[in-house]
Amino acid sequence: GGALPTTFTVKQLGSTSNTVGTLPAVDQSSSGYFDVGNMRMIWGSTTSGTVVTFPASFANTAYTVNVDSVGIHYVAYPSAKLNTGFTPLTRDITNSIMTPGTSVNYFAIGQKS
């Protein structure tokens, strides 16, 4: 492999439609999502066992969602995926007992509706 570039450019987008190259971009980061072309990224924090309703829906349930537990003794994963949201769940890694109410962070990416 070759050397990676050591510099890059970051462009701050407003909360209106903009263009990234030839793709339209909609920065709604204050609402927890960002669109580039037909791709949507959604993120946030909640507690396990609580239904997450996305601020903007995906086209279908083929999106990918990553859920991370804030606690080090828990494994977190998504459940009951809908195009409008999902329910994060956690289990204690020492005894596999469900642990509702555990703080989690999530990031979802997929096709916007």
C-alpha atoms as a PDB file:
ATOM      1  CA  GLY A   1       0.000   0.000   0.000  1.00  0.00           C
ATOM      2  CA  GLY A   2       0.922   3.598  -0.442  1.00  0.00           C
ATOM      3  CA  ALA A   3       1.089   6.417   2.025  1.00  0.00           C
ATOM      4  CA  LEU A   4      -2.176   7.995   3.080  1.00  0.00           C
ATOM      5  CA  PRO A   5      -2.678  11.725   2.527  1.00  0.00           C
ATOM      6  CA  THR A   6      -1.864  13.809   5.574  1.00  0.00           C
ATOM      7  CA  THR A   7      -4.328  16.628   4.871  1.00  0.00           C
ATOM      8  CA  PHE A   8      -8.019  16.803   4.164  1.00  0.00           C
ATOM      9  CA  THR A   9     -10.716  19.445   3.864  1.00  0.00           C
ATOM     10  CA  VAL A  10     -13.857  19.639   5.995  1.00  0.00           C
ATOM     11  CA  LYS A  11     -16.756  21.753   4.789  1.00  0.00           C
ATOM     12  CA  GLN A  12     -19.383  22.771   7.335  1.00  0.00           C
ATOM     13  CA  LEU A  13     -22.832  22.589   5.803  1.00  0.00           C
ATOM     14  CA  GLY A  14     -25.799  24.618   6.959  1.00  0.00           C
ATOM     15  CA  SER A  15     -29.181  23.120   7.777  1.00  0.00           C
ATOM     16  CA  THR A  16     -30.397  23.636   4.215  1.00  0.00           C
ATOM     17  CA  SER A  17     -29.711  21.708   1.026  1.00  0.00           C
ATOM     18  CA  ASN A  18     -26.140  21.977  -0.219  1.00  0.00           C
ATOM     19  CA  THR A  19     -24.033  20.118  -2.759  1.00  0.00           C
ATOM     20  CA  VAL A  20     -21.130  17.792  -1.983  1.00  0.00           C
ATOM     21  CA  GLY A  21     -19.483  17.292  -5.373  1.00  0.00           C
ATOM     22  CA  THR A  22     -22.513  16.496  -7.528  1.00  0.00           C
ATOM     23  CA  LEU A  23     -24.640  15.006  -4.714  1.00  0.00           C
ATOM     24  CA  PRO A  24     -27.203  17.027  -2.764  1.00  0.00           C
ATOM     25  CA  ALA A  25     -26.552  17.082   0.982  1.00  0.00           C
ATOM     26  CA  VAL A  26     -28.981  17.981   3.742  1.00  0.00           C
ATOM     27  CA  ASP A  27     -27.366  18.704   7.102  1.00  0.00           C
ATOM     28  CA  GLN A  28     -29.906  18.111   9.867  1.00  0.00           C
ATOM     29  CA  SER A  29     -27.251  17.267  12.457  1.00  0.00           C
ATOM     30  CA  SER A  30     -29.074  19.307  15.091  1.00  0.00           C
ATOM     31  CA  SER A  31     -31.946  16.803  14.628  1.00  0.00           C
ATOM     32  CA  GLY A  32     -29.644  13.749  14.582  1.00  0.00           C
ATOM     33  CA  TYR A  33     -29.377  12.938  10.879  1.00  0.00           C
ATOM     34  CA  PHE A  34     -27.513  13.833   7.684  1.00  0.00           C
ATOM     35  CA  ASP A  35     -28.357  12.996   4.056  1.00  0.00           C
ATOM     36  CA  VAL A  36     -25.937  12.781   1.141  1.00  0.00           C
ATOM     37  CA  GLY A  37     -27.584  11.845  -2.139  1.00  0.00           C
ATOM     38  CA  ASN A  38     -29.940   8.962  -1.311  1.00  0.00           C
ATOM     39  CA  MET A  39     -27.913   7.890   1.757  1.00  0.00           C
ATOM     40  CA  ARG A  40     -29.114   8.726   5.267  1.00  0.00           C
ATOM     41  CA  MET A  41     -27.069   8.627   8.499  1.00  0.00           C
ATOM     42  CA  ILE A  42     -28.836   8.790  11.879  1.00  0.00           C
ATOM     43  CA  TRP A  43     -27.271   8.770  15.346  1.00  0.00           C
ATOM     44  CA  GLY A  44     -28.232   9.270  18.952  1.00  0.00           C
ATOM     45  CA  SER A  45     -28.230   8.034  22.537  1.00  0.00           C
ATOM     46  CA  THR A  46     -30.919   6.310  24.574  1.00  0.00           C
ATOM     47  CA  THR A  47     -31.364   3.479  27.061  1.00  0.00           C
ATOM     48  CA  SER A  48     -31.779  -0.190  26.190  1.00  0.00           C
ATOM     49  CA  GLY A  49     -35.326  -1.431  25.967  1.00  0.00           C
ATOM     50  CA  THR A  50     -36.569   1.991  24.848  1.00  0.00           C
ATOM     51  CA  VAL A  51     -38.081   2.238  21.353  1.00  0.00           C
ATOM     52  CA  VAL A  52     -36.030   4.635  19.180  1.00  0.00           C
ATOM     53  CA  THR A  53     -38.092   6.619  16.686  1.00  0.00           C
ATOM     54  CA  PHE A  54     -35.825   8.069  13.996  1.00  0.00           C
ATOM     55  CA  PRO A  55     -36.102  11.803  13.195  1.00  0.00           C
ATOM     56  CA  ALA A  56     -36.397  10.792   9.504  1.00  0.00           C
ATOM     57  CA  SER A  57     -37.235   7.333   8.180  1.00  0.00           C
ATOM     58  CA  PHE A  58     -35.239   4.960   5.984  1.00  0.00           C
ATOM     59  CA  ALA A  59     -36.619   3.573   2.711  1.00  0.00           C
ATOM     60  CA  ASN A  60     -36.792   0.055   4.197  1.00  0.00           C
ATOM     61  CA  THR A  61     -35.309  -2.116   6.962  1.00  0.00           C
ATOM     62  CA  ALA A  62     -32.120  -2.916   5.007  1.00  0.00           C
ATOM     63  CA  TYR A  63     -30.220  -0.159   6.848  1.00  0.00           C
ATOM     64  CA  THR A  64     -27.313  -1.040   9.122  1.00  0.00           C
ATOM     65  CA  VAL A  65     -27.397   0.014  12.757  1.00  0.00           C
ATOM     66  CA  ASN A  66     -24.548  -0.229  15.246  1.00  0.00           C
ATOM     67  CA  VAL A  67     -25.416  -0.088  18.946  1.00  0.00           C
ATOM     68  CA  ASP A  68     -22.722   0.378  21.585  1.00  0.00           C
ATOM     69  CA  SER A  69     -23.224   0.099  25.307  1.00  0.00           C
ATOM     70  CA  VAL A  70     -21.761   2.842  27.451  1.00  0.00           C
ATOM     71  CA  GLY A  71     -21.018   0.238  30.173  1.00  0.00           C
ATOM     72  CA  ILE A  72     -18.056  -2.095  29.692  1.00  0.00           C
ATOM     73  CA  HIS A  73     -19.836  -5.214  31.005  1.00  0.00           C
ATOM     74  CA  TYR A  74     -22.646  -5.202  28.440  1.00  0.00           C
ATOM     75  CA  VAL A  75     -23.160  -6.264  24.850  1.00  0.00           C
ATOM     76  CA  ALA A  76     -25.636  -4.146  22.871  1.00  0.00           C
ATOM     77  CA  TYR A  77     -27.561  -5.014  19.717  1.00  0.00           C
ATOM     78  CA  PRO A  78     -30.583  -3.809  17.709  1.00  0.00           C
ATOM     79  CA  SER A  79     -33.975  -5.522  17.831  1.00  0.00           C
ATOM     80  CA  ALA A  80     -37.384  -4.993  16.183  1.00  0.00           C
ATOM     81  CA  LYS A  81     -36.003  -2.997  13.234  1.00  0.00           C
ATOM     82  CA  LEU A  82     -38.525  -0.882  11.338  1.00  0.00           C
ATOM     83  CA  ASN A  83     -37.771   1.748   8.694  1.00  0.00           C
ATOM     84  CA  THR A  84     -38.873   4.314  11.303  1.00  0.00           C
ATOM     85  CA  GLY A  85     -36.792   3.034  14.234  1.00  0.00           C
ATOM     86  CA  PHE A  86     -35.674   0.069  16.346  1.00  0.00           C
ATOM     87  CA  THR A  87     -35.278  -1.087  19.931  1.00  0.00           C
ATOM     88  CA  PRO A  88     -31.751  -1.409  21.361  1.00  0.00           C
ATOM     89  CA  LEU A  89     -31.214  -4.287  23.779  1.00  0.00           C
ATOM     90  CA  THR A  90     -28.316  -5.112  26.120  1.00  0.00           C
ATOM     91  CA  ARG A  91     -27.150  -8.183  27.993  1.00  0.00           C
ATOM     92  CA  ASP A  92     -24.688  -8.502  30.839  1.00  0.00           C
ATOM     93  CA  ILE A  93     -21.666 -10.377  29.461  1.00  0.00           C
ATOM     94  CA  THR A  94     -21.039 -12.198  32.744  1.00  0.00           C
ATOM     95  CA  ASN A  95     -24.447 -13.903  33.036  1.00  0.00           C
ATOM     96  CA  SER A  96     -26.385 -13.119  29.797  1.00  0.00           C
ATOM     97  CA  ILE A  97     -29.211 -11.473  31.743  1.00  0.00           C
ATOM     98  CA  MET A  98     -31.114  -8.745  29.872  1.00  0.00           C
ATOM     99  CA  THR A  99     -30.253  -5.302  31.223  1.00  0.00           C
ATOM    100  CA  PRO A 100     -32.969  -2.769  30.306  1.00  0.00           C
ATOM    101  CA  GLY A 101     -32.162   0.840  31.089  1.00  0.00           C
ATOM    102  CA  THR A 102     -28.467   0.591  30.144  1.00  0.00           C
ATOM    103  CA  SER A 103     -27.156   3.677  28.326  1.00  0.00           C
ATOM    104  CA  VAL A 104     -26.400   3.069  24.633  1.00  0.00           C
ATOM    105  CA  ASN A 105     -25.277   5.051  21.601  1.00  0.00           C
ATOM    106  CA  TYR A 106     -26.373   4.145  18.070  1.00  0.00           C
ATOM    107  CA  PHE A 107     -25.441   4.944  14.472  1.00  0.00           C
ATOM    108  CA  ALA A 108     -27.581   3.856  11.510  1.00  0.00           C
ATOM    109  CA  ILE A 109     -26.850   4.190   7.795  1.00  0.00           C
ATOM    110  CA  GLY A 110     -28.967   3.261   4.795  1.00  0.00           C
ATOM    111  CA  GLN A 111     -31.126   4.489   1.942  1.00  0.00           C
ATOM    112  CA  LYS A 112     -33.308   7.460   2.787  1.00  0.00           C
ATOM    113  CA  SER A 113     -37.050   7.335   2.175  1.00  0.00           C
END
